[in-house]
Every structure is written in C-alpha cells, then in structure tokens.
Amino acid sequence: MPREAVAAAARALAAQAVRLPELADAGTVAAYVSVGAEPGTRELLDTLRTRGVRVLLPVLQADHDLDWAAYAGLGALVPATRGLWEPGGPRLGPDAVLAADTVLLPGLAVDASGLRLGRGGGSYDRVLERLASAGAAPALVVVLYAHEVLASVPAEPHDRPVTAAVTPAGVHRFG
C-alpha cells in the first residue's frame, strides 16, 4: 500500500476503534505499536492515552514471551529487535497484561469464527494462554485491514478466538 493509503487507513482505524465499547469503557488497554504496512495503531495509542486510558505495550523478550511497559507517548518509544518499537520505561512483567480490560492483537487475518492468524512466533499465543490460565477475560480485539477478514484461516489446537476485529472500514464481531 502507498504510504498515503497506510496513513489514511490508520486515521480511519483509530476512528472506528475509539467507538468500540471495549475501548470506550476500558481503564487499561494492552496494545502494540504497528510497524511497516501493518494497520496503523499510533494514532489510536495517542487517542487512548489522551482519554486517560492506561496503555500497556509489549516488550519482546529473548524467548519470544512478552513483558509489558506503560505507554508514555510516541516520543518515549525506543527501537527494539526485529524492527519493533517499545516503551523505554520500566518493565512491569509478563503478568501486567492481566490488568487489561481490552487486549489489542496484531494479526495477519481472522476468520468468521474469530480465529486469528498471527505471525507464527507464538508471543500472543502465550499472552492468551496467560490470560486464560489466570481466569482473566478481557475483550480480545484483532486489528486488521478489511481484506484480512476471511472465511477461514489455518488453526492449531491452542488457538483462541478473539471477540472482534476492527478495520478501517468497520468492526466485525465473533461468537
């Protein structure tokens, strides 16, 4: 996608996302910083923060599990491994995600049953397992482009469905 189209999609995505009750009513949101041609999350992160929402961002650990740190604005992000960006502040530990009312997840696609196709590293599978093991039940929302909402995606036994997908064109709800 051309850079201008990616930027326009990011603005539309933020507008769609902030209308979600799962975000409008959240005190804490676990999110991520988009990179490359992923659907843009930076405007959404700032909008949430401006509204007084506590935003947690992932910090990729050597074993591909995720630690978390508070988002303090775009200027407080630092470059990390694999072309990612992460908060430069104190680490809160892998269990910090348990405090989230909503978890925004990256993905390559989602299917009609809410199964999310990730990038294959297993980082978010670990997060979802951690949430389930702790009995936490935040809303799980995958951030995608509209063409990434498909009839079906490959699934593994450990995969967990998401609550919704938000795209620049609208919201899809599952189950």
Protein backbone atom coordinates (compact mmCIF):
# COMPACT_ATOMS: atom_id res chain seq x y z
CA MET A 1 0.00 0.00 0.00
CA PRO A 2 1.25 3.51 -0.72
CA ARG A 3 2.34 5.49 2.35
CA GLU A 4 -0.63 7.88 1.98
CA ALA A 5 -3.10 4.97 1.95
CA VAL A 6 -1.50 3.48 5.07
CA ALA A 7 -1.79 6.86 6.85
CA ALA A 8 -5.43 7.30 5.80
CA ALA A 9 -6.22 3.76 6.94
CA ALA A 10 -4.60 4.48 10.33
CA ARG A 11 -6.82 7.54 10.83
CA ALA A 12 -9.92 5.56 9.85
CA LEU A 13 -8.88 2.69 12.10
CA ALA A 14 -8.48 4.99 15.10
CA ALA A 15 -11.92 6.49 14.43
CA GLN A 16 -13.51 3.02 14.24
CA ALA A 17 -11.67 1.69 17.29
CA VAL A 18 -12.45 4.50 19.71
CA ARG A 19 -16.17 3.87 19.16
CA LEU A 20 -15.83 0.29 20.37
CA PRO A 21 -17.42 -0.14 23.82
CA GLU A 22 -14.47 -2.40 24.65
CA LEU A 23 -12.18 0.62 24.31
CA ALA A 24 -14.55 3.40 25.33
CA ASP A 25 -15.14 1.79 28.73
CA ALA A 26 -11.60 0.47 29.31
CA GLY A 27 -9.35 1.68 32.09
CA THR A 28 -6.37 -0.34 30.83
CA VAL A 29 -5.70 -1.47 27.28
CA ALA A 30 -2.84 -3.74 26.23
CA ALA A 31 -1.93 -2.70 22.69
CA TYR A 32 1.08 -2.67 20.38
CA VAL A 33 2.96 -0.29 18.11
CA SER A 34 2.33 -1.09 14.46
CA VAL A 35 5.30 -1.36 12.14
CA GLY A 36 5.72 -1.32 8.38
CA ALA A 37 2.50 -1.75 6.43
CA GLU A 38 0.53 -3.14 9.40
CA PRO A 39 -2.70 -1.30 10.13
CA GLY A 40 -1.51 1.79 11.98
CA THR A 41 -2.01 1.93 15.75
CA ARG A 42 -0.01 5.03 16.70
CA GLU A 43 -2.88 7.50 16.38
CA LEU A 44 -5.10 5.10 18.34
CA LEU A 45 -2.48 4.80 21.11
CA ASP A 46 -2.34 8.56 21.48
CA THR A 47 -6.13 8.88 21.43
CA LEU A 48 -6.47 6.30 24.20
CA ARG A 49 -3.75 7.95 26.28
CA THR A 50 -5.36 11.39 25.84
CA ARG A 51 -8.64 9.93 27.12
CA GLY A 52 -6.88 8.83 30.30
CA VAL A 53 -6.67 5.14 29.42
CA ARG A 54 -3.63 3.33 30.78
CA VAL A 55 -1.99 1.79 27.71
CA LEU A 56 0.40 -1.13 28.09
CA LEU A 57 2.75 -2.00 25.25
CA PRO A 58 4.66 -5.24 24.74
CA VAL A 59 8.38 -5.70 25.13
CA LEU A 60 9.61 -8.75 23.24
CA GLN A 61 11.84 -10.95 25.38
CA ALA A 62 14.57 -13.27 24.11
CA ASP A 63 12.27 -16.31 24.50
CA HIS A 64 9.54 -14.52 22.45
CA ASP A 65 7.32 -14.08 25.50
CA LEU A 66 6.06 -10.56 26.14
CA ASP A 67 6.85 -8.27 29.05
CA TRP A 68 4.86 -5.02 29.29
CA ALA A 69 5.57 -1.35 29.93
CA ALA A 70 3.35 1.73 30.12
CA TYR A 71 2.97 3.89 27.03
CA ALA A 72 4.14 7.45 27.67
CA GLY A 73 3.75 8.83 24.14
CA LEU A 74 5.39 8.34 20.76
CA GLY A 75 8.47 10.28 21.86
CA ALA A 76 9.12 7.76 24.63
CA LEU A 77 9.31 4.77 22.26
CA VAL A 78 12.70 3.22 21.55
CA PRO A 79 13.76 0.94 18.68
CA ALA A 80 13.88 -2.73 19.59
CA THR A 81 14.73 -6.03 17.94
CA ARG A 82 13.03 -7.19 14.75
CA GLY A 83 12.18 -3.63 13.71
CA LEU A 84 9.77 -3.21 16.61
CA TRP A 85 9.24 -0.18 18.85
CA GLU A 86 8.74 -0.44 22.59
CA PRO A 87 8.37 1.84 25.60
CA GLY A 88 11.61 2.94 27.21
CA GLY A 89 10.14 2.95 30.73
CA PRO A 90 10.23 0.35 33.50
CA ARG A 91 9.16 -3.20 32.74
CA LEU A 92 6.04 -4.38 34.54
CA GLY A 93 6.41 -8.13 33.99
CA PRO A 94 4.57 -10.62 31.77
CA ASP A 95 1.57 -10.71 34.14
CA ALA A 96 0.89 -6.97 33.75
CA VAL A 97 -1.42 -7.88 30.86
CA LEU A 98 -3.79 -9.46 33.38
CA ALA A 99 -4.92 -5.95 34.36
CA ALA A 100 -6.12 -5.14 30.82
CA ASP A 101 -9.81 -4.65 30.14
CA THR A 102 -9.09 -5.00 26.42
CA VAL A 103 -6.19 -6.53 24.52
CA LEU A 104 -5.50 -5.28 21.01
CA LEU A 105 -3.77 -8.00 19.00
CA PRO A 106 -1.82 -7.86 15.76
CA GLY A 107 -2.61 -10.43 13.12
CA LEU A 108 -2.35 -11.41 9.50
CA ALA A 109 -6.01 -12.48 9.25
CA VAL A 110 -9.06 -13.57 11.21
CA ASP A 111 -11.83 -15.93 10.18
CA ALA A 112 -15.59 -16.00 10.59
CA SER A 113 -15.30 -17.82 13.93
CA GLY A 114 -12.83 -15.28 15.34
CA LEU A 115 -9.70 -17.40 15.00
CA ARG A 116 -6.70 -15.13 14.49
CA LEU A 117 -3.74 -15.96 12.30
CA GLY A 118 -0.59 -14.48 13.82
CA ARG A 119 2.94 -14.22 12.51
CA GLY A 120 3.96 -17.60 13.91
CA GLY A 121 6.24 -16.53 16.76
CA GLY A 122 3.77 -17.56 19.46
CA SER A 123 4.17 -14.39 21.54
CA TYR A 124 0.47 -13.58 21.59
CA ASP A 125 -0.48 -17.26 21.95
CA ARG A 126 1.45 -17.12 25.24
CA VAL A 127 -0.37 -13.95 26.24
CA LEU A 128 -3.76 -15.53 25.52
CA GLU A 129 -2.79 -18.67 27.46
CA ARG A 130 -1.61 -16.49 30.38
CA LEU A 131 -4.95 -14.67 30.42
CA ALA A 132 -6.95 -17.92 30.27
CA SER A 133 -4.86 -19.60 32.98
CA ALA A 134 -5.40 -16.63 35.29
CA GLY A 135 -9.15 -16.57 34.64
CA ALA A 136 -8.86 -13.11 33.10
CA ALA A 137 -11.42 -12.34 30.39
CA PRO A 138 -10.56 -9.07 28.66
CA ALA A 139 -12.08 -8.26 25.31
CA LEU A 140 -9.74 -9.55 22.59
CA VAL A 141 -9.70 -7.35 19.50
CA VAL A 142 -7.53 -8.00 16.46
CA VAL A 143 -6.51 -5.01 14.33
CA LEU A 144 -6.61 -5.69 10.57
CA TYR A 145 -7.37 -4.34 7.14
CA ALA A 146 -10.84 -5.26 5.83
CA HIS A 147 -9.41 -7.69 3.24
CA GLU A 148 -7.78 -9.68 6.07
CA VAL A 149 -11.17 -10.81 7.46
CA LEU A 150 -11.56 -14.20 5.77
CA ALA A 151 -13.96 -17.15 5.75
CA SER A 152 -11.35 -19.41 7.36
CA VAL A 153 -7.72 -19.48 8.45
CA PRO A 154 -5.46 -22.38 9.44
CA ALA A 155 -5.91 -23.24 13.11
CA GLU A 156 -3.95 -25.07 15.79
CA PRO A 157 -5.48 -26.73 18.88
CA HIS A 158 -4.10 -23.99 21.16
CA ASP A 159 -5.65 -21.11 19.16
CA ARG A 160 -8.19 -18.96 20.99
CA PRO A 161 -10.84 -16.88 19.27
CA VAL A 162 -10.96 -13.10 19.51
CA THR A 163 -14.03 -11.06 20.44
CA ALA A 164 -13.87 -8.70 17.48
CA ALA A 165 -11.81 -7.41 14.59
CA VAL A 166 -11.51 -3.69 13.97
CA THR A 167 -10.60 -2.49 10.49
CA PRO A 168 -10.53 0.95 8.90
CA ALA A 169 -13.87 0.04 7.28
CA GLY A 170 -15.66 -1.18 10.42
CA VAL A 171 -15.96 -3.74 13.17
CA HIS A 172 -16.61 -7.47 12.90
CA ARG A 173 -17.92 -9.33 15.96
CA PHE A 174 -17.49 -13.03 16.64
CA GLY A 175 -19.22 -15.68 18.73
